[in-house]
Protein backbone atom coordinates (compact mmCIF):
# COMPACT_ATOMS: atom_id res chain seq x y z
CA MET A 1 54.30 77.30 70.25
CA SER A 2 56.67 78.25 67.50
CA SER A 3 57.53 75.74 64.85
CA SER A 4 59.70 75.93 61.81
CA ILE A 5 59.92 72.63 59.98
CA GLU A 6 63.31 73.69 58.66
CA GLN A 7 64.84 74.65 61.99
CA SER A 8 63.25 74.04 65.38
CA VAL A 9 60.27 73.53 67.65
CA GLU A 10 59.86 75.50 70.85
CA GLN A 11 57.09 75.36 73.45
CA SER A 12 56.72 77.06 76.82
CA VAL A 13 55.12 74.95 79.55
CA LEU A 14 54.58 75.26 83.26
CA ALA A 15 55.88 72.44 85.44
CA ARG A 16 55.18 71.92 89.11
CA LEU A 17 58.23 71.47 91.31
CA ILE A 18 57.48 68.75 93.84
CA SER A 19 59.11 69.44 97.20
CA ASP A 20 58.47 69.42 100.94
CA ALA A 21 56.68 72.77 100.64
CA PRO A 22 52.94 72.62 101.35
CA HIS A 23 52.09 73.75 97.80
CA PRO A 24 54.06 72.82 94.67
CA SER A 25 55.78 75.73 92.95
CA GLY A 26 55.16 76.55 89.30
CA VAL A 27 58.31 76.52 87.19
CA PRO A 28 58.38 77.92 83.65
CA VAL A 29 60.16 75.57 81.25
CA VAL A 30 60.91 75.96 77.56
CA LEU A 31 60.97 72.73 75.56
CA ARG A 32 63.20 72.90 72.47
CA TYR A 33 63.91 70.64 69.55
CA ARG A 34 66.30 71.32 66.68
CA ARG A 35 66.11 69.61 63.35
CA SER A 36 69.92 69.72 63.24
CA ASP A 37 70.03 67.56 66.40
CA PRO A 38 67.09 65.22 65.71
CA LEU A 39 67.68 62.69 68.49
CA ALA A 40 67.62 65.21 71.35
CA VAL A 41 65.17 67.43 73.17
CA ARG A 42 66.05 70.21 75.58
CA MET A 43 64.38 71.49 78.74
CA VAL A 44 65.48 75.03 79.49
CA PHE A 45 64.97 76.43 82.98
CA PRO A 46 65.25 80.22 83.41
CA ALA A 47 67.91 81.75 85.63
CA GLU A 48 65.40 82.86 88.28
CA VAL A 49 64.65 79.24 89.22
CA CYS A 50 68.21 77.88 89.05
CA LEU A 51 70.89 77.68 91.72
CA SER A 52 73.54 78.73 89.20
CA GLU A 53 71.83 82.11 88.59
CA SER A 54 71.92 81.45 84.86
CA ALA A 55 69.58 79.46 82.63
CA VAL A 56 70.11 75.72 82.78
CA THR A 57 69.49 73.37 79.88
CA TRP A 58 68.96 69.63 80.23
CA THR A 59 69.45 67.69 76.99
CA PHE A 60 68.28 64.11 76.61
CA ALA A 61 66.93 61.69 74.01
CA ARG A 62 63.62 62.48 72.37
CA SER A 63 62.84 58.76 72.61
CA LEU A 64 63.24 58.96 76.41
CA LEU A 65 60.55 61.64 76.62
CA ASP A 66 58.32 59.73 74.23
CA GLY A 67 58.68 56.43 76.12
CA GLY A 68 58.25 58.10 79.50
CA LEU A 69 54.74 59.21 78.58
CA ARG A 70 53.69 55.54 78.49
CA ALA A 71 55.92 53.74 81.01
CA PRO A 72 58.73 54.45 83.47
CA THR A 73 61.94 55.04 81.57
CA GLY A 74 65.34 56.54 82.15
CA ASP A 75 68.85 55.72 83.04
CA GLY A 76 71.31 58.00 84.73
CA ASP A 77 70.39 61.65 85.25
CA VAL A 78 66.92 61.79 83.64
CA HIS A 79 63.94 59.59 84.55
CA ILE A 80 60.42 60.03 83.17
CA TRP A 81 57.21 58.21 84.02
CA PRO A 82 53.44 58.63 83.78
CA CYS A 83 51.96 59.72 87.11
CA THR A 84 48.28 59.72 86.18
CA ARG A 85 46.47 59.76 82.87
CA SER A 86 47.04 63.50 82.61
CA GLN A 87 50.34 64.02 84.48
CA THR A 88 53.94 62.99 83.73
CA MET A 89 56.84 63.12 86.17
CA VAL A 90 60.37 64.11 85.21
CA GLU A 91 63.22 63.54 87.67
CA LEU A 92 66.50 65.35 87.01
CA ARG A 93 69.58 64.31 88.98
CA SER A 94 72.78 66.32 89.27
CA PRO A 95 75.63 66.64 91.77
CA GLU A 96 73.71 69.58 93.29
CA GLY A 97 70.65 67.44 94.01
CA VAL A 98 67.46 66.04 92.55
CA ALA A 99 64.54 67.95 91.05
CA LEU A 100 61.16 66.27 90.67
CA LEU A 101 58.83 68.01 88.22
CA GLN A 102 55.26 67.28 87.22
CA PHE A 103 54.08 68.19 83.70
CA ASP A 104 50.71 68.07 82.00
CA THR A 105 51.01 65.08 79.68
CA ALA A 106 49.00 66.84 76.96
CA SER A 107 51.63 69.61 76.74
CA LEU A 108 54.45 67.10 76.39
CA ARG A 109 52.50 65.12 73.77
CA ARG A 110 51.79 68.29 71.79
CA PHE A 111 55.48 69.19 71.84
CA LEU A 112 56.46 65.68 70.69
CA LEU A 113 53.92 65.74 67.86
CA HIS A 114 55.50 68.94 66.56
CA THR A 115 58.99 67.42 66.80
CA TYR A 116 57.86 64.34 64.85
CA ALA A 117 56.29 66.62 62.23
CA ALA A 118 59.69 68.31 61.90
CA VAL A 119 61.64 65.04 61.79
CA PRO A 120 59.79 61.72 61.80
CA ALA A 121 61.37 59.01 63.96
CA ALA A 122 62.32 56.92 60.94
CA HIS A 123 64.18 59.88 59.38
CA GLU A 124 66.31 61.07 62.30
CA SER A 125 69.59 59.81 60.86
CA ALA A 126 68.86 61.45 57.49
CA ALA A 127 68.30 64.80 59.23
CA MET A 128 71.59 64.67 61.09
CA ASP A 129 74.64 66.41 59.74
CA ILE A 130 76.98 63.55 60.64
CA GLU A 131 80.20 65.36 59.79
CA ARG A 132 79.28 68.45 61.80
CA ALA A 133 78.10 66.33 64.76
CA LEU A 134 81.32 64.31 64.72
CA ALA A 135 83.44 67.46 64.50
CA ALA A 136 81.55 69.00 67.42
CA LEU A 137 81.94 65.82 69.46
CA LEU A 138 85.65 65.56 68.75
CA GLY A 139 86.12 69.27 69.41
CA GLU A 140 84.41 68.93 72.79
CA ALA A 141 86.46 65.84 73.62
CA ARG A 142 89.71 67.74 73.10
CA GLY A 143 88.71 70.94 74.86
């Protein structure tokens, strides 16, 4: 786990890909959080496990991950729910298909604790660079 209060939190975890195969496959995932984007978390999947042959990043609300550890939550492409006391499910939906992943809840909680140490929930808006975020959003909308 690397953590820089000023910049980011990063943690490598192993997820289990749930499929029709007799034994679930282990999938390495990097969880990332940036202080400059305090409302979002990222799950980065390496190229070797992706159909696109390049790393794939899923970005979604930190609050979605936090809530999903306690109760089913999600709307749209990302759904998260507790499976057992020690396991959490993450479902990712895209035009290419659906991936169902199982994570150790303790790993996700540890990651979240580090993100909240970097930017407490009550201070997310203060940590945001509103002008830069708006410029990035408008730049993406035009291009």
